[in-house]
Amino acid sequence: MLLATAQEFNDLSNDVQGVLQRFEGDWSSMDADRKTQMVAGAERWLQLDATERSAARSRFDDWQRMTPETRNRVTQQVRQFRDLSDTQRRQIRRAFENYQSLNTDQRRRLRELYQDMSAQQRRQLRQMLQDRQQRQIQR
């Protein structure tokens, strides 16, 4: 039986049960889709090495510290990103990598320049960048 199809907590492997231990009491009241998601997540967790687990814990802790409004905004941004074309997602990733390659002072200066702009200047900059992306896509 595939672990992801197990409907009873005791049917799960010992490793998956260990990861999902805190949900055992609620397991029987969860719908099948939720159980499948939980098991799939536990199986992914078990495949991570120590460094990856540490990074995942850190991201989860960051998520928990966010306000509900911030979480909603981040969730919406992720959905918007997923709705983009492959080309647009690659361009955004490339731009982020370029930003990450800047040293701390260059990043700080870039943030300051952006923050010092008026709302209209920011809109104009975003429009210029979007126009540039469209031209690159059309090539």
Protein backbone atom coordinates (compact mmCIF):
# COMPACT_ATOMS: atom_id res chain seq x y z
CA MET A 1 0.00 0.00 0.00
CA LEU A 2 1.26 3.51 -0.79
CA LEU A 3 1.78 5.49 2.38
CA ALA A 4 -0.10 8.46 0.92
CA THR A 5 -3.28 6.35 0.67
CA ALA A 6 -3.26 5.09 4.25
CA GLN A 7 -6.40 6.24 6.03
CA GLU A 8 -5.69 4.92 9.51
CA PHE A 9 -2.84 6.42 11.50
CA ASN A 10 -1.60 2.98 12.53
CA ASP A 11 -1.33 1.99 8.84
CA LEU A 12 1.41 4.57 8.32
CA SER A 13 5.06 3.59 8.51
CA ASN A 14 6.76 4.16 11.84
CA ASP A 15 8.87 6.96 10.32
CA VAL A 16 5.81 8.81 8.98
CA GLN A 17 3.96 8.26 12.25
CA GLY A 18 6.91 9.83 14.05
CA VAL A 19 6.76 12.94 11.88
CA LEU A 20 2.96 13.21 12.21
CA GLN A 21 2.80 12.18 15.87
CA ARG A 22 1.23 15.44 17.06
CA PHE A 23 -1.71 14.92 14.66
CA GLU A 24 -2.55 11.38 15.80
CA GLY A 25 -5.45 12.51 18.00
CA ASP A 26 -7.06 14.46 15.14
CA TRP A 27 -6.23 11.92 12.41
CA SER A 28 -9.59 10.14 12.37
CA SER A 29 -11.48 13.43 11.92
CA MET A 30 -9.33 14.64 8.98
CA ASP A 31 -10.68 14.27 5.46
CA ALA A 32 -8.86 11.97 3.05
CA ASP A 33 -7.30 14.80 1.01
CA ARG A 34 -5.84 16.39 4.14
CA LYS A 35 -4.42 13.05 5.26
CA THR A 36 -2.86 12.52 1.85
CA GLN A 37 -1.27 15.98 1.98
CA MET A 38 0.04 15.38 5.49
CA VAL A 39 1.55 12.02 4.58
CA ALA A 40 3.12 13.42 1.41
CA GLY A 41 4.64 16.24 3.45
CA ALA A 42 5.97 13.80 6.03
CA GLU A 43 7.50 11.66 3.30
CA ARG A 44 9.19 14.74 1.81
CA TRP A 45 10.45 15.70 5.27
CA LEU A 46 11.99 12.29 5.72
CA GLN A 47 13.91 12.71 2.46
CA LEU A 48 15.57 15.95 3.61
CA ASP A 49 19.08 15.97 5.02
CA ALA A 50 19.91 17.81 8.25
CA THR A 51 20.76 21.08 6.50
CA GLU A 52 17.55 21.04 4.48
CA ARG A 53 15.51 20.25 7.59
CA SER A 54 17.11 23.13 9.45
CA ALA A 55 16.32 25.51 6.59
CA ALA A 56 12.72 24.24 6.45
CA ARG A 57 12.31 24.72 10.20
CA SER A 58 13.64 28.25 9.88
CA ARG A 59 11.20 29.05 7.07
CA PHE A 60 8.34 27.59 9.11
CA ASP A 61 9.34 29.65 12.14
CA ASP A 62 9.44 32.77 9.94
CA TRP A 63 5.96 31.91 8.63
CA GLN A 64 4.62 31.47 12.17
CA ARG A 65 5.95 34.88 13.20
CA MET A 66 4.15 36.63 10.32
CA THR A 67 0.90 38.44 10.96
CA PRO A 68 -2.18 36.93 9.29
CA GLU A 69 -2.21 39.88 6.89
CA THR A 70 1.38 39.26 5.88
CA ARG A 71 0.72 35.53 5.42
CA ASN A 72 -2.26 36.33 3.19
CA ARG A 73 -0.15 38.73 1.14
CA VAL A 74 2.66 36.18 0.74
CA THR A 75 0.16 33.46 -0.21
CA GLN A 76 -1.35 35.75 -2.85
CA GLN A 77 2.10 36.59 -4.22
CA VAL A 78 2.96 32.89 -4.49
CA ARG A 79 -0.28 32.26 -6.38
CA GLN A 80 0.47 35.15 -8.73
CA PHE A 81 3.99 33.83 -9.31
CA ARG A 82 2.66 30.34 -10.10
CA ASP A 83 0.21 31.85 -12.60
CA LEU A 84 3.06 33.43 -14.58
CA SER A 85 4.45 31.80 -17.68
CA ASP A 86 7.62 29.74 -17.42
CA THR A 87 9.52 32.53 -19.17
CA GLN A 88 8.28 35.16 -16.72
CA ARG A 89 9.15 32.98 -13.73
CA ARG A 90 12.66 32.40 -15.12
CA GLN A 91 13.12 36.16 -15.58
CA ILE A 92 12.03 36.86 -12.02
CA ARG A 93 14.34 34.17 -10.68
CA ARG A 94 17.21 35.57 -12.74
CA ALA A 95 16.53 39.10 -11.45
CA PHE A 96 16.45 37.79 -7.88
CA GLU A 97 19.72 35.93 -8.41
CA ASN A 98 21.25 39.13 -9.77
CA TYR A 99 20.02 40.99 -6.69
CA GLN A 100 21.41 38.26 -4.41
CA SER A 101 24.79 38.54 -6.13
CA LEU A 102 25.08 42.18 -5.06
CA ASN A 103 27.09 42.83 -1.94
CA THR A 104 25.38 44.14 1.20
CA ASP A 105 26.18 47.79 0.48
CA GLN A 106 24.91 47.57 -3.09
CA ARG A 107 21.65 46.00 -1.91
CA ARG A 108 21.22 48.61 0.80
CA ARG A 109 21.82 51.41 -1.72
CA LEU A 110 19.37 49.91 -4.19
CA ARG A 111 16.70 49.65 -1.47
CA GLU A 112 17.34 53.24 -0.40
CA LEU A 113 17.04 54.50 -3.98
CA TYR A 114 13.74 52.69 -4.39
CA GLN A 115 12.40 53.90 -1.03
CA ASP A 116 13.34 57.49 -1.87
CA MET A 117 11.25 57.38 -5.04
CA SER A 118 7.76 58.84 -5.12
CA ALA A 119 4.84 56.50 -5.74
CA GLN A 120 4.63 57.76 -9.31
CA GLN A 121 8.34 57.16 -9.92
CA ARG A 122 7.96 53.62 -8.58
CA ARG A 123 5.02 52.97 -10.90
CA GLN A 124 7.02 54.33 -13.84
CA LEU A 125 9.99 52.15 -12.94
CA ARG A 126 7.82 49.03 -12.63
CA GLN A 127 6.17 49.82 -15.97
CA MET A 128 9.55 50.34 -17.63
CA LEU A 129 10.79 47.01 -16.26
CA GLN A 130 7.62 45.21 -17.37
CA ASP A 131 7.96 46.72 -20.86
CA ARG A 132 11.58 45.55 -20.99
CA GLN A 133 10.52 42.04 -19.95
CA GLN A 134 7.86 41.96 -22.66
CA ARG A 135 10.39 42.97 -25.30
CA GLN A 136 12.74 40.21 -24.13
CA ILE A 137 9.92 37.64 -24.23
CA GLN A 138 9.03 38.64 -27.79
CA ARG A 139 12.61 38.11 -29.01
